[in-house]
Amino acid sequence: MQKRIFLNFVGLILIFVVLLALSFGLLFFSASQTHEMAGIRDKAHLVSEFLNQGIFEYDLESGDTRITVISSDGWVLSDSHAWADFDDNRSDRSEFIQAIFYGSGEAIRRSDTLGTETFYYAIRLENGNVLRLSRTLYSLGEVFTSTLPALIALTVVILVIAHFTALRLTRKIIKPLTEVDFENIGILIGSAPSESLYEELWPYIRKIELQRLEIEKQLSTLRSRTETIEAIISNMREGLVILDEKELVLAANKSVLEIFTIPKGHDVIQKSIQHIYRDPEFMQTVKECLDGEYLETSFTREDKVYNVFLSPVFTDGSNRGAIIFFLDSTEQFRADRQRREFSANVSHELKTPLTTISALSEMIASGMAKAEDVATFSGKISDHSKRLINIIDDIIRLSEFDEKKALKEFVEVDIFELAATVIATLQEKAIQKSVSLKLIGKPLIVRGNVRLLDELMYNLIDNGIKYNKEGGNVTLTLCEEDVFCTISVADTGIGIPKEYQDRVFERFYRVDSSRSKKTGGTGLGLSIVKHIAEHHGGRVVLESTEGVCTTIVCSIVK
């Protein structure tokens, strides 16, 4: 404020000085031109008297003034300037015409080439000729240049005086304001008004204090709300982006940066949403949202599926931006897909044996079956019924794992002894397939569910027998690795093509459906194995070479 008042004082004085100088210059310029033209007129009359008396004849000397004698028909008879053009007729000059008709005449003409003005004054002589005197007038610039040093000196003196005067006046005006202690304005309000302080300031001081208290209260509330909102947004697992109407990012939480793998420290605030995600379809959706539409879309990124909800933000009826919400729906998407596939597979798996059972039963019930075929049909019905029961049991087992209902019931069990029991159970089936079974390891105590571990090894060895070659072998190896017990089942069977290895643990998935039906598999065995291993805090790894061998390694926590 002090600086502004000071500059206003100095500026005002400077403006008046400039106006005064310009006015003086214009007046001086006007007076100078008037004086010059009057001198030329006087000199012209003097010279004409001499010429009329024949004193100078045509031998004229002019100094700064050009003297020209022109005949009555406009031709130059004599000129004081040696470079004068005698071939140029002057009869069309206005001053010449005026002198011929009125006895005298004058004119001012500007030279565009030289940028100067010349004053011409002509008088008709007694012999009919015309005497013309001319002189270049001082221009405004020349007048200004000639007076510039004095003007500068005067301006400097006035500015020095103005500086100290304005400084003193400014300090005097500002002093009462500088005495106000705005840090303790409440104490000032409670005291008696100061005589040195302007009386007009007291209402404003009181208002400022009330506003200050109100602002502090609002800031405190706003700060608390901001901290709460920031804490909520930053800890959200879902991504959140807030845009303005120009597609610039106003806020983006940590989850968004993680979703789009934006480097830490890379600031996206006040940058286009394209700095986060440049997909054309997504950008078109954002534009439509900013046009006022509520939209929902989805996209896949790094094997994850995200649902995106876009909501426009309206203020006073106009769209001021948008809120974009990114929801990781990968598990839901996979679960839905798995549910659809599971339903389709269950329907397919149950339909085949049920159709067979229904057809054979109708044939027996209607008497269409021969007496000798009834036993065969009954056996087939029994086999398909057992297959249905096995499928249902496996489905129930998987359902228990899905719903986290599988009981822990963990006890200490010798996994080596349990493996020997499983091999003994499957020994007869292996002999029928000409497959030898082998157990490698030593007594090893683990904590686990005996029934589930038995089922895990049974499924792995049973698969090794089913999909083996005649004369092949299946080897079950048990060993310790840190806190894990590894159960490895290797066979010398048909192997699994590499392109199918990632899917063999999916429910009802079969590499060769026709072969699985011949062997009686449900397509759920390896899926159950995977869930049992995970139920025991472990995982399953498969290694296979087509036509050579397959090895499945299950790691469970001891």
Protein backbone atom coordinates (compact mmCIF):
# COMPACT_ATOMS: atom_id res chain seq x y z
CA MET A 1 0.00 0.00 0.00
CA GLN A 2 2.77 2.40 0.92
CA LYS A 3 4.55 1.71 -2.32
CA ARG A 4 1.33 2.17 -4.29
CA ILE A 5 0.55 5.53 -2.66
CA PHE A 6 4.13 6.66 -3.20
CA LEU A 7 4.07 5.64 -6.86
CA ASN A 8 0.70 7.34 -7.34
CA PHE A 9 2.09 10.59 -5.97
CA VAL A 10 5.21 10.41 -8.12
CA GLY A 11 3.23 9.31 -11.16
CA LEU A 12 0.75 12.15 -10.78
CA ILE A 13 3.54 14.69 -10.52
CA LEU A 14 5.31 13.17 -13.52
CA ILE A 15 2.10 13.33 -15.58
CA PHE A 16 1.69 17.02 -14.77
CA VAL A 17 5.34 17.70 -15.65
CA VAL A 18 4.94 15.91 -18.99
CA LEU A 19 1.69 17.76 -19.74
CA LEU A 20 3.32 21.05 -18.84
CA ALA A 21 6.32 20.30 -21.05
CA LEU A 22 4.12 19.29 -23.97
CA SER A 23 1.98 22.38 -23.59
CA PHE A 24 5.06 24.59 -23.36
CA GLY A 25 6.60 22.90 -26.38
CA LEU A 26 3.46 23.33 -28.49
CA LEU A 27 3.09 26.97 -27.51
CA PHE A 28 6.77 27.59 -28.17
CA PHE A 29 6.54 25.80 -31.50
CA SER A 30 3.47 27.81 -32.54
CA ALA A 31 5.09 31.10 -31.48
CA SER A 32 8.33 30.21 -33.24
CA GLN A 33 6.55 29.46 -36.53
CA THR A 34 4.51 32.64 -36.29
CA HIS A 35 7.67 34.65 -35.63
CA GLU A 36 9.52 33.03 -38.56
CA MET A 37 6.68 33.67 -41.00
CA ALA A 38 6.37 37.30 -39.86
CA GLY A 39 10.12 37.77 -40.41
CA ILE A 40 9.85 36.36 -43.93
CA ARG A 41 6.97 38.69 -44.74
CA ASP A 42 8.89 41.73 -43.47
CA LYS A 43 11.98 40.73 -45.40
CA ALA A 44 9.90 40.13 -48.53
CA HIS A 45 8.43 43.63 -48.33
CA LEU A 46 11.90 45.11 -47.77
CA VAL A 47 13.42 43.26 -50.70
CA SER A 48 10.49 44.19 -52.94
CA GLU A 49 11.05 47.88 -52.16
CA PHE A 50 14.69 47.59 -53.14
CA LEU A 51 13.83 45.70 -56.32
CA ASN A 52 11.12 48.19 -57.28
CA GLN A 53 13.73 50.94 -56.93
CA GLY A 54 16.19 48.85 -58.97
CA ILE A 55 18.82 48.87 -56.22
CA PHE A 56 19.73 45.13 -56.26
CA GLU A 57 18.63 44.31 -59.72
CA TYR A 58 18.79 40.48 -59.77
CA ASP A 59 21.98 40.05 -57.79
CA LEU A 60 20.39 38.73 -54.55
CA GLU A 61 21.93 37.17 -51.49
CA SER A 62 19.55 35.48 -49.10
CA GLY A 63 21.31 33.60 -46.30
CA ASP A 64 18.85 31.02 -44.89
CA THR A 65 16.01 32.53 -46.87
CA ARG A 66 15.60 31.54 -50.50
CA ILE A 67 14.77 34.49 -52.79
CA THR A 68 13.27 33.81 -56.18
CA VAL A 69 12.15 36.22 -58.87
CA ILE A 70 9.48 34.78 -61.16
CA SER A 71 8.16 36.28 -64.36
CA SER A 72 4.49 37.04 -64.77
CA ASP A 73 4.10 33.88 -66.84
CA GLY A 74 5.71 31.67 -64.12
CA TRP A 75 9.29 31.20 -65.28
CA VAL A 76 12.16 31.69 -62.82
CA LEU A 77 14.25 34.73 -63.68
CA SER A 78 16.69 34.47 -60.79
CA ASP A 79 17.13 32.38 -57.66
CA SER A 80 19.43 32.74 -54.65
CA HIS A 81 20.03 28.99 -54.61
CA ALA A 82 22.41 27.77 -57.26
CA TRP A 83 20.66 24.37 -57.62
CA ALA A 84 17.31 25.94 -58.50
CA ASP A 85 15.43 24.44 -61.45
CA PHE A 86 14.85 27.17 -64.06
CA ASP A 87 12.97 24.82 -66.37
CA ASP A 88 10.11 24.31 -63.94
CA ASN A 89 7.19 26.72 -64.42
CA ARG A 90 5.80 28.12 -61.11
CA SER A 91 2.56 29.57 -62.48
CA ASP A 92 0.53 26.82 -60.71
CA ARG A 93 1.86 27.67 -57.23
CA SER A 94 -0.87 29.00 -54.95
CA GLU A 95 1.31 31.79 -53.54
CA PHE A 96 2.20 32.89 -57.11
CA ILE A 97 -1.46 32.97 -58.18
CA GLN A 98 -2.44 34.96 -55.08
CA ALA A 99 0.39 37.49 -55.72
CA ILE A 100 -0.65 37.99 -59.36
CA PHE A 101 -4.30 38.60 -58.48
CA TYR A 102 -4.10 40.13 -55.00
CA GLY A 103 -0.60 41.59 -54.81
CA SER A 104 0.66 39.09 -52.27
CA GLY A 105 0.17 35.49 -51.27
CA GLU A 106 1.55 32.78 -49.05
CA ALA A 107 1.49 29.01 -48.66
CA ILE A 108 3.01 26.21 -46.58
CA ARG A 109 3.98 23.02 -48.38
CA ARG A 110 5.36 19.77 -46.95
CA SER A 111 8.16 17.84 -48.58
CA ASP A 112 7.44 14.12 -48.32
CA THR A 113 11.03 13.25 -49.27
CA LEU A 114 12.66 15.53 -46.70
CA GLY A 115 9.88 15.39 -44.15
CA THR A 116 9.95 19.20 -43.68
CA GLU A 117 7.55 22.12 -44.17
CA THR A 118 8.48 25.25 -46.19
CA PHE A 119 6.79 28.67 -45.93
CA TYR A 120 6.42 30.59 -49.19
CA TYR A 121 5.56 34.34 -49.38
CA ALA A 122 5.14 36.09 -52.74
CA ILE A 123 4.71 39.82 -53.67
CA ARG A 124 3.91 41.22 -57.12
CA LEU A 125 6.55 43.78 -58.20
CA GLU A 126 5.77 46.94 -60.08
CA ASN A 127 7.17 45.48 -63.31
CA GLY A 128 4.69 42.56 -63.09
CA ASN A 129 7.21 40.03 -61.91
CA VAL A 130 6.72 38.16 -58.63
CA LEU A 131 9.19 38.13 -55.76
CA ARG A 132 8.94 34.96 -53.68
CA LEU A 133 10.77 34.27 -50.41
CA SER A 134 10.79 30.81 -48.80
CA ARG A 135 12.30 29.24 -45.75
CA THR A 136 12.13 25.82 -44.16
CA LEU A 137 10.25 26.06 -40.86
CA TYR A 138 11.44 24.41 -37.68
CA SER A 139 9.61 21.12 -37.12
CA LEU A 140 8.05 20.15 -33.83
CA GLY A 141 10.76 17.54 -33.41
CA GLU A 142 13.49 20.11 -33.85
CA VAL A 143 11.83 22.39 -31.35
CA PHE A 144 11.49 19.48 -28.92
CA THR A 145 15.13 18.47 -29.48
CA SER A 146 16.36 21.98 -28.87
CA THR A 147 14.44 22.24 -25.62
CA LEU A 148 15.05 18.62 -24.56
CA PRO A 149 18.14 19.23 -22.36
CA ALA A 150 16.38 21.95 -20.42
CA LEU A 151 13.23 19.81 -20.18
CA ILE A 152 15.19 16.82 -18.90
CA ALA A 153 17.01 18.90 -16.33
CA LEU A 154 13.75 20.45 -15.17
CA THR A 155 12.06 17.03 -15.00
CA VAL A 156 14.90 15.56 -12.94
CA VAL A 157 14.76 18.44 -10.48
CA ILE A 158 10.98 18.16 -10.17
CA LEU A 159 11.18 14.36 -9.74
CA VAL A 160 13.77 14.65 -6.99
CA ILE A 161 11.59 17.15 -5.19
CA ALA A 162 8.52 14.97 -5.88
CA HIS A 163 10.29 11.86 -4.58
CA PHE A 164 11.04 13.29 -1.17
CA THR A 165 7.69 15.08 -0.95
CA ALA A 166 5.71 11.96 -1.94
CA LEU A 167 7.78 9.80 0.43
CA ARG A 168 7.06 12.08 3.35
CA LEU A 169 3.34 12.33 2.56
CA THR A 170 3.08 8.55 2.06
CA ARG A 171 4.71 7.80 5.42
CA LYS A 172 2.45 10.27 7.12
CA ILE A 173 -0.68 8.70 5.58
CA ILE A 174 0.43 5.11 6.22
CA LYS A 175 1.68 5.61 9.77
CA PRO A 176 -1.72 5.14 11.50
CA LEU A 177 -2.25 1.92 9.54
CA THR A 178 1.14 0.51 10.47
CA GLU A 179 0.34 1.01 14.14
CA VAL A 180 -2.50 -1.54 13.92
CA ASP A 181 -1.43 -4.89 15.44
CA PHE A 182 -3.42 -7.32 13.34
CA GLU A 183 -1.93 -10.28 15.25
CA ASN A 184 -3.65 -9.05 18.43
CA ILE A 185 -6.59 -7.33 16.82
CA GLY A 186 -8.93 -8.78 19.46
CA ILE A 187 -7.06 -6.88 22.21
CA LEU A 188 -7.16 -3.74 20.08
CA ILE A 189 -10.94 -4.04 19.71
CA GLY A 190 -11.36 -4.40 23.48
CA SER A 191 -9.33 -1.25 24.18
CA ALA A 192 -10.24 2.41 23.69
CA PRO A 193 -9.82 3.78 20.14
CA SER A 194 -6.38 5.26 19.49
CA GLU A 195 -6.31 8.94 18.63
CA SER A 196 -3.62 8.37 16.02
CA LEU A 197 -5.68 5.69 14.26
CA TYR A 198 -8.18 6.83 11.66
CA GLU A 199 -11.68 6.76 13.08
CA GLU A 200 -13.02 5.42 9.78
CA LEU A 201 -10.91 2.25 10.18
CA TRP A 202 -12.58 1.00 13.37
CA PRO A 203 -15.67 -0.55 11.70
CA TYR A 204 -13.40 -2.36 9.24
CA ILE A 205 -11.09 -3.58 12.01
CA ARG A 206 -14.04 -5.07 13.89
CA LYS A 207 -15.34 -6.70 10.71
CA ILE A 208 -11.91 -8.10 9.91
CA GLU A 209 -11.69 -9.71 13.34
CA LEU A 210 -15.12 -11.32 13.00
CA GLN A 211 -14.22 -12.61 9.55
CA ARG A 212 -10.89 -13.89 10.82
CA LEU A 213 -12.58 -15.90 13.58
CA GLU A 214 -15.13 -17.26 11.11
CA ILE A 215 -12.43 -18.17 8.58
CA GLU A 216 -10.40 -19.97 11.26
CA LYS A 217 -13.46 -21.97 12.22
CA GLN A 218 -14.26 -22.84 8.61
CA LEU A 219 -10.61 -23.72 7.87
CA SER A 220 -10.50 -26.02 10.87
CA THR A 221 -13.68 -27.77 9.74
CA LEU A 222 -12.49 -27.92 6.14
CA ARG A 223 -9.08 -29.25 7.18
CA SER A 224 -10.70 -31.99 9.24
CA ARG A 225 -13.02 -32.97 6.41
CA THR A 226 -10.19 -32.89 3.88
CA GLU A 227 -7.99 -35.13 6.00
CA THR A 228 -10.87 -37.57 6.47
CA ILE A 229 -11.70 -37.63 2.76
CA GLU A 230 -8.03 -38.02 1.79
CA ALA A 231 -7.60 -40.87 4.27
CA ILE A 232 -10.68 -42.64 2.89
CA ILE A 233 -9.72 -42.11 -0.76
CA SER A 234 -6.07 -43.07 -0.33
CA ASN A 235 -7.00 -46.32 1.46
CA MET A 236 -9.66 -47.36 -1.04
CA ARG A 237 -8.87 -50.54 -2.93
CA GLU A 238 -10.97 -49.17 -5.77
CA GLY A 239 -9.54 -46.54 -8.12
CA LEU A 240 -10.97 -43.03 -8.03
CA VAL A 241 -10.34 -40.13 -10.42
CA ILE A 242 -11.98 -36.69 -10.31
CA LEU A 243 -11.93 -34.59 -13.50
CA ASP A 244 -12.88 -31.02 -14.32
CA GLU A 245 -14.82 -30.01 -17.41
CA LYS A 246 -11.58 -29.80 -19.46
CA GLU A 247 -10.63 -33.47 -18.81
CA LEU A 248 -7.92 -32.38 -16.36
CA VAL A 249 -7.27 -34.56 -13.31
CA LEU A 250 -8.21 -32.85 -10.03
CA ALA A 251 -7.59 -35.91 -7.83
CA ALA A 252 -6.44 -39.51 -8.25
CA ASN A 253 -5.92 -42.03 -5.46
CA LYS A 254 -3.10 -44.52 -5.02
CA SER A 255 -5.13 -47.43 -6.38
CA VAL A 256 -5.51 -45.74 -9.78
CA LEU A 257 -1.75 -45.25 -10.04
CA GLU A 258 -1.26 -48.94 -9.20
CA ILE A 259 -3.91 -50.09 -11.70
CA PHE A 260 -2.23 -48.23 -14.57
CA THR A 261 1.33 -48.84 -13.27
CA ILE A 262 2.11 -45.12 -13.10
CA PRO A 263 5.60 -44.62 -11.61
CA LYS A 264 5.78 -43.38 -8.05
CA GLY A 265 6.37 -39.63 -7.93
CA HIS A 266 4.80 -39.06 -11.36
CA ASP A 267 2.31 -36.25 -10.84
CA VAL A 268 -0.91 -36.50 -12.86
CA ILE A 269 -2.76 -33.65 -11.14
CA GLN A 270 -3.84 -30.87 -13.55
CA LYS A 271 -2.91 -33.10 -16.48
CA SER A 272 -5.20 -34.69 -19.03
CA ILE A 273 -6.81 -38.04 -18.19
CA GLN A 274 -4.83 -39.37 -21.16
CA HIS A 275 -1.74 -39.31 -18.90
CA ILE A 276 -3.46 -42.12 -16.96
CA TYR A 277 -5.16 -44.14 -19.71
CA ARG A 278 -4.89 -43.38 -23.44
CA ASP A 279 -7.39 -45.92 -24.77
CA PRO A 280 -9.54 -44.22 -27.52
CA GLU A 281 -12.74 -45.99 -26.46
CA PHE A 282 -12.20 -44.96 -22.85
CA MET A 283 -11.54 -41.34 -23.86
CA GLN A 284 -14.76 -41.32 -25.91
CA THR A 285 -16.64 -42.59 -22.86
CA VAL A 286 -15.11 -39.78 -20.76
CA LYS A 287 -16.24 -37.18 -23.33
CA GLU A 288 -19.78 -38.56 -23.28
CA CYS A 289 -19.77 -38.42 -19.48
CA LEU A 290 -18.62 -34.79 -19.54
CA ASP A 291 -21.55 -34.17 -21.88
CA GLY A 292 -23.85 -35.23 -19.05
CA GLU A 293 -24.31 -39.02 -19.42
CA TYR A 294 -24.03 -41.61 -16.64
CA LEU A 295 -22.03 -44.49 -18.13
CA GLU A 296 -20.63 -47.88 -17.22
CA THR A 297 -17.93 -49.75 -19.12
CA SER A 298 -15.20 -52.31 -18.53
CA PHE A 299 -11.72 -53.12 -19.70
CA THR A 300 -9.02 -55.74 -19.14
CA ARG A 301 -5.53 -54.81 -18.02
CA GLU A 302 -2.74 -57.22 -17.08
CA ASP A 303 -5.14 -60.20 -16.77
CA LYS A 304 -7.48 -58.21 -14.53
CA VAL A 305 -11.00 -57.08 -15.35
CA TYR A 306 -12.18 -53.66 -14.19
CA ASN A 307 -15.67 -52.22 -14.20
CA VAL A 308 -15.64 -48.45 -14.73
CA PHE A 309 -18.46 -46.20 -13.52
CA LEU A 310 -18.53 -42.62 -14.85
CA SER A 311 -20.76 -39.99 -13.26
CA PRO A 312 -21.01 -36.34 -14.37
CA VAL A 313 -20.90 -33.61 -11.70
CA PHE A 314 -23.50 -30.86 -12.08
CA THR A 315 -23.38 -27.40 -10.52
CA ASP A 316 -26.17 -24.89 -11.14
CA GLY A 317 -27.42 -27.03 -14.00
CA SER A 318 -24.11 -27.15 -15.85
CA ASN A 319 -21.62 -30.02 -15.98
CA ARG A 320 -18.49 -29.08 -14.05
CA GLY A 321 -16.59 -32.37 -14.31
CA ALA A 322 -16.83 -36.11 -13.73
CA ILE A 323 -16.07 -38.80 -11.16
CA ILE A 324 -14.59 -42.06 -12.48
CA PHE A 325 -14.69 -45.16 -10.30
CA PHE A 326 -12.55 -48.23 -11.16
CA LEU A 327 -13.72 -51.48 -9.54
CA ASP A 328 -11.61 -54.63 -9.74
CA SER A 329 -14.16 -57.28 -10.74
CA THR A 330 -11.64 -59.93 -11.75
CA GLU A 331 -12.74 -62.45 -9.12
CA GLN A 332 -16.40 -61.86 -9.87
CA PHE A 333 -15.74 -62.18 -13.61
CA ARG A 334 -13.79 -65.39 -13.13
CA ALA A 335 -16.38 -66.74 -10.72
CA ASP A 336 -19.20 -65.99 -13.16
CA ARG A 337 -17.29 -67.57 -16.00
CA GLN A 338 -16.39 -70.56 -13.83
CA ARG A 339 -20.01 -70.85 -12.69
CA ARG A 340 -21.28 -70.82 -16.26
CA GLU A 341 -18.70 -73.35 -17.37
CA PHE A 342 -19.34 -75.46 -14.29
CA SER A 343 -23.11 -75.45 -14.88
CA ALA A 344 -22.62 -76.39 -18.52
CA ASN A 345 -20.12 -79.11 -17.65
CA VAL A 346 -22.24 -80.53 -14.82
CA SER A 347 -25.27 -80.65 -17.11
CA HIS A 348 -23.23 -82.41 -19.75
CA GLU A 349 -21.58 -84.87 -17.34
CA LEU A 350 -24.85 -85.79 -15.65
CA LYS A 351 -26.87 -86.00 -18.84
CA THR A 352 -24.88 -88.86 -20.39
CA PRO A 353 -25.18 -91.45 -17.57
CA LEU A 354 -28.75 -90.35 -16.76
CA THR A 355 -29.75 -90.80 -20.40
CA THR A 356 -28.20 -94.26 -20.44
CA ILE A 357 -29.83 -95.25 -17.13
CA SER A 358 -33.22 -93.95 -18.31
CA ALA A 359 -33.03 -95.76 -21.64
CA LEU A 360 -31.95 -99.10 -20.17
CA SER A 361 -34.55 -98.87 -17.38
CA GLU A 362 -37.34 -98.21 -19.88
CA MET A 363 -36.22 -101.17 -21.98
CA ILE A 364 -36.29 -103.48 -18.92
CA ALA A 365 -39.58 -102.05 -17.62
CA SER A 366 -41.33 -102.31 -20.99
CA GLY A 367 -40.15 -105.88 -21.56
CA MET A 368 -38.17 -104.93 -24.65
CA ALA A 369 -34.99 -106.35 -23.13
CA LYS A 370 -34.37 -110.07 -23.54
CA ALA A 371 -34.08 -112.12 -20.41
CA GLU A 372 -30.40 -112.79 -21.05
CA ASP A 373 -29.74 -109.02 -21.50
CA VAL A 374 -31.35 -107.91 -18.24
CA ALA A 375 -28.26 -108.74 -16.19
CA THR A 376 -26.02 -106.87 -18.63
CA PHE A 377 -28.33 -103.82 -18.66
CA SER A 378 -28.51 -103.89 -14.86
CA GLY A 379 -24.73 -103.92 -14.67
CA LYS A 380 -24.54 -100.91 -16.97
CA ILE A 381 -27.17 -99.11 -14.92
CA SER A 382 -25.12 -99.84 -11.80
CA ASP A 383 -21.89 -98.55 -13.42
CA HIS A 384 -23.53 -95.32 -14.59
CA SER A 385 -25.16 -94.88 -11.19
CA LYS A 386 -21.76 -95.18 -9.52
CA ARG A 387 -20.38 -92.66 -12.02
CA LEU A 388 -23.20 -90.26 -11.11
CA ILE A 389 -22.48 -90.74 -7.42
CA ASN A 390 -18.76 -90.09 -7.99
CA ILE A 391 -19.50 -86.92 -9.96
CA ILE A 392 -21.93 -85.70 -7.27
CA ASP A 393 -19.43 -86.48 -4.50
CA ASP A 394 -16.72 -84.54 -6.33
CA ILE A 395 -19.08 -81.63 -6.93
CA ILE A 396 -20.03 -81.56 -3.24
CA ARG A 397 -16.35 -81.65 -2.30
CA LEU A 398 -15.52 -78.71 -4.59
CA SER A 399 -18.56 -76.82 -3.29
CA GLU A 400 -17.23 -77.22 0.24
CA PHE A 401 -13.91 -75.74 -0.83
CA ASP A 402 -15.61 -72.86 -2.68
CA GLU A 403 -17.76 -71.98 0.31
CA LYS A 404 -14.87 -72.44 2.75
CA LYS A 405 -16.81 -75.21 4.49
CA ALA A 406 -14.12 -77.86 4.19
CA LEU A 407 -13.26 -78.82 7.75
CA LYS A 408 -9.69 -78.44 8.86
CA GLU A 409 -9.72 -81.34 11.34
CA PHE A 410 -5.93 -81.34 11.14
CA VAL A 411 -4.09 -84.04 13.06
CA GLU A 412 -0.56 -85.34 13.02
CA VAL A 413 -0.26 -88.04 10.38
CA ASP A 414 2.61 -90.05 8.93
CA ILE A 415 2.30 -89.05 5.27
CA PHE A 416 4.65 -91.92 4.26
CA GLU A 417 2.44 -94.53 5.91
CA LEU A 418 -0.68 -92.95 4.36
CA ALA A 419 0.96 -93.03 0.90
CA ALA A 420 1.80 -96.74 1.32
CA THR A 421 -1.87 -97.43 2.11
CA VAL A 422 -3.02 -95.57 -1.03
CA ILE A 423 -0.56 -97.48 -3.22
CA ALA A 424 -1.74 -100.78 -1.73
CA THR A 425 -5.35 -99.81 -2.55
CA LEU A 426 -4.50 -99.09 -6.20
CA GLN A 427 -2.08 -101.97 -6.65
CA GLU A 428 -4.64 -104.30 -8.25
CA LYS A 429 -5.74 -101.60 -10.75
CA ALA A 430 -2.08 -100.98 -11.62
CA ILE A 431 -1.48 -104.69 -12.24
CA GLN A 432 -4.45 -104.78 -14.63
CA LYS A 433 -2.83 -101.90 -16.61
CA SER A 434 0.67 -103.52 -16.35
CA VAL A 435 1.88 -100.43 -14.46
CA SER A 436 4.30 -100.68 -11.57
CA LEU A 437 3.91 -98.45 -8.50
CA LYS A 438 6.86 -97.20 -6.44
CA LEU A 439 7.12 -95.22 -3.19
CA ILE A 440 10.26 -93.24 -2.35
CA GLY A 441 10.76 -91.48 0.96
CA LYS A 442 10.82 -92.04 4.69
CA PRO A 443 8.43 -91.65 7.62
CA LEU A 444 7.37 -87.97 7.73
CA ILE A 445 4.94 -86.43 10.19
CA VAL A 446 2.72 -83.57 8.95
CA ARG A 447 -0.39 -81.84 10.27
CA GLY A 448 -3.31 -82.27 7.91
CA ASN A 449 -6.69 -83.75 7.15
CA VAL A 450 -6.17 -87.49 6.73
CA ARG A 451 -9.19 -88.00 4.43
CA LEU A 452 -8.22 -85.10 2.13
CA LEU A 453 -4.53 -86.08 1.94
CA ASP A 454 -5.59 -89.66 1.16
CA GLU A 455 -7.83 -88.34 -1.64
CA LEU A 456 -5.07 -86.10 -2.99
CA MET A 457 -2.57 -88.95 -3.38
CA TYR A 458 -5.27 -91.35 -4.59
CA ASN A 459 -6.31 -88.98 -7.41
CA LEU A 460 -2.72 -88.34 -8.50
CA ILE A 461 -1.73 -92.02 -8.54
CA ASP A 462 -5.04 -93.06 -10.12
CA ASN A 463 -4.46 -90.52 -12.95
CA GLY A 464 -0.90 -91.84 -13.33
CA ILE A 465 -2.28 -95.32 -13.86
CA LYS A 466 -5.17 -94.30 -16.16
CA TYR A 467 -3.07 -92.26 -18.56
CA ASN A 468 0.02 -94.45 -18.54
CA LYS A 469 1.47 -96.75 -21.14
CA GLU A 470 1.41 -100.51 -20.79
CA GLY A 471 4.52 -101.54 -18.87
CA GLY A 472 4.98 -98.02 -17.49
CA ASN A 473 5.46 -96.97 -13.91
CA VAL A 474 4.22 -94.40 -11.37
CA THR A 475 6.56 -93.09 -8.69
CA LEU A 476 5.38 -91.31 -5.52
CA THR A 477 8.19 -89.37 -3.84
CA LEU A 478 7.93 -87.70 -0.41
CA CYS A 479 10.50 -85.24 0.92
CA GLU A 480 10.95 -82.16 3.15
CA GLU A 481 11.77 -78.64 1.89
CA ASP A 482 11.96 -76.03 4.66
CA VAL A 483 8.48 -75.81 6.17
CA PHE A 484 6.91 -77.77 3.31
CA CYS A 485 6.32 -81.44 2.60
CA THR A 486 6.39 -82.14 -1.13
CA ILE A 487 4.33 -84.94 -2.64
CA SER A 488 5.61 -85.68 -6.13
CA VAL A 489 3.87 -88.16 -8.46
CA ALA A 490 5.70 -88.95 -11.72
CA ASP A 491 4.49 -91.28 -14.44
CA THR A 492 5.81 -92.50 -17.78
CA GLY A 493 2.48 -91.98 -19.51
CA ILE A 494 1.16 -90.13 -22.53
CA GLY A 495 2.02 -86.67 -21.21
CA ILE A 496 0.09 -83.41 -21.68
CA PRO A 497 0.59 -81.04 -24.64
CA LYS A 498 2.12 -77.74 -23.53
CA GLU A 499 -0.82 -75.64 -24.76
CA TYR A 500 -3.19 -77.50 -22.37
CA GLN A 501 -1.02 -77.59 -19.26
CA ASP A 502 -2.37 -74.30 -17.84
CA ARG A 503 -5.95 -75.61 -17.94
CA VAL A 504 -5.72 -79.16 -16.57
CA PHE A 505 -6.66 -77.97 -13.07
CA GLU A 506 -9.93 -76.43 -14.31
CA ARG A 507 -13.13 -78.24 -13.46
CA PHE A 508 -14.32 -80.78 -16.02
CA TYR A 509 -11.46 -79.90 -18.34
CA ARG A 510 -10.12 -82.86 -20.29
CA VAL A 511 -7.27 -82.85 -22.76
CA ASP A 512 -8.79 -85.88 -24.54
CA SER A 513 -12.52 -86.26 -23.80
CA SER A 514 -12.88 -89.59 -25.57
CA ARG A 515 -10.03 -91.14 -23.58
CA SER A 516 -11.40 -89.74 -20.30
CA LYS A 517 -14.78 -91.35 -20.92
CA LYS A 518 -13.10 -94.71 -21.57
CA THR A 519 -11.15 -94.44 -18.30
CA GLY A 520 -14.20 -93.26 -16.33
CA GLY A 521 -12.77 -89.93 -15.21
CA THR A 522 -15.03 -87.10 -14.08
CA GLY A 523 -12.65 -84.27 -15.00
CA LEU A 524 -12.68 -83.00 -11.41
CA GLY A 525 -9.79 -84.95 -9.91
CA LEU A 526 -6.96 -82.47 -10.50
CA SER A 527 -9.21 -79.56 -9.53
CA ILE A 528 -9.87 -81.29 -6.19
CA VAL A 529 -6.11 -81.94 -5.81
CA LYS A 530 -5.40 -78.24 -6.27
CA HIS A 531 -8.01 -77.23 -3.69
CA ILE A 532 -6.74 -79.79 -1.16
CA ALA A 533 -3.16 -78.48 -1.54
CA GLU A 534 -4.32 -74.89 -1.09
CA HIS A 535 -6.46 -75.98 1.88
CA HIS A 536 -3.20 -77.15 3.47
CA GLY A 537 -1.41 -73.86 2.72
CA GLY A 538 0.41 -75.16 -0.36
CA ARG A 539 0.25 -75.21 -4.12
CA VAL A 540 0.49 -77.54 -7.13
CA VAL A 541 3.03 -77.45 -9.99
CA LEU A 542 2.79 -79.54 -13.15
CA GLU A 543 5.62 -80.52 -15.50
CA SER A 544 4.90 -82.67 -18.54
CA THR A 545 6.38 -83.69 -21.87
CA GLU A 546 3.95 -84.98 -24.45
CA GLY A 547 4.39 -88.69 -25.11
CA VAL A 548 7.11 -89.02 -22.43
CA CYS A 549 6.06 -88.31 -18.87
CA THR A 550 4.12 -86.15 -16.42
CA THR A 551 5.15 -84.99 -12.95
CA ILE A 552 2.81 -83.26 -10.49
CA VAL A 553 4.34 -81.77 -7.34
CA CYS A 554 2.12 -80.77 -4.41
CA SER A 555 3.65 -78.69 -1.62
CA ILE A 556 1.80 -78.59 1.72
CA VAL A 557 2.76 -76.96 5.00
CA LYS A 558 4.00 -79.53 7.51
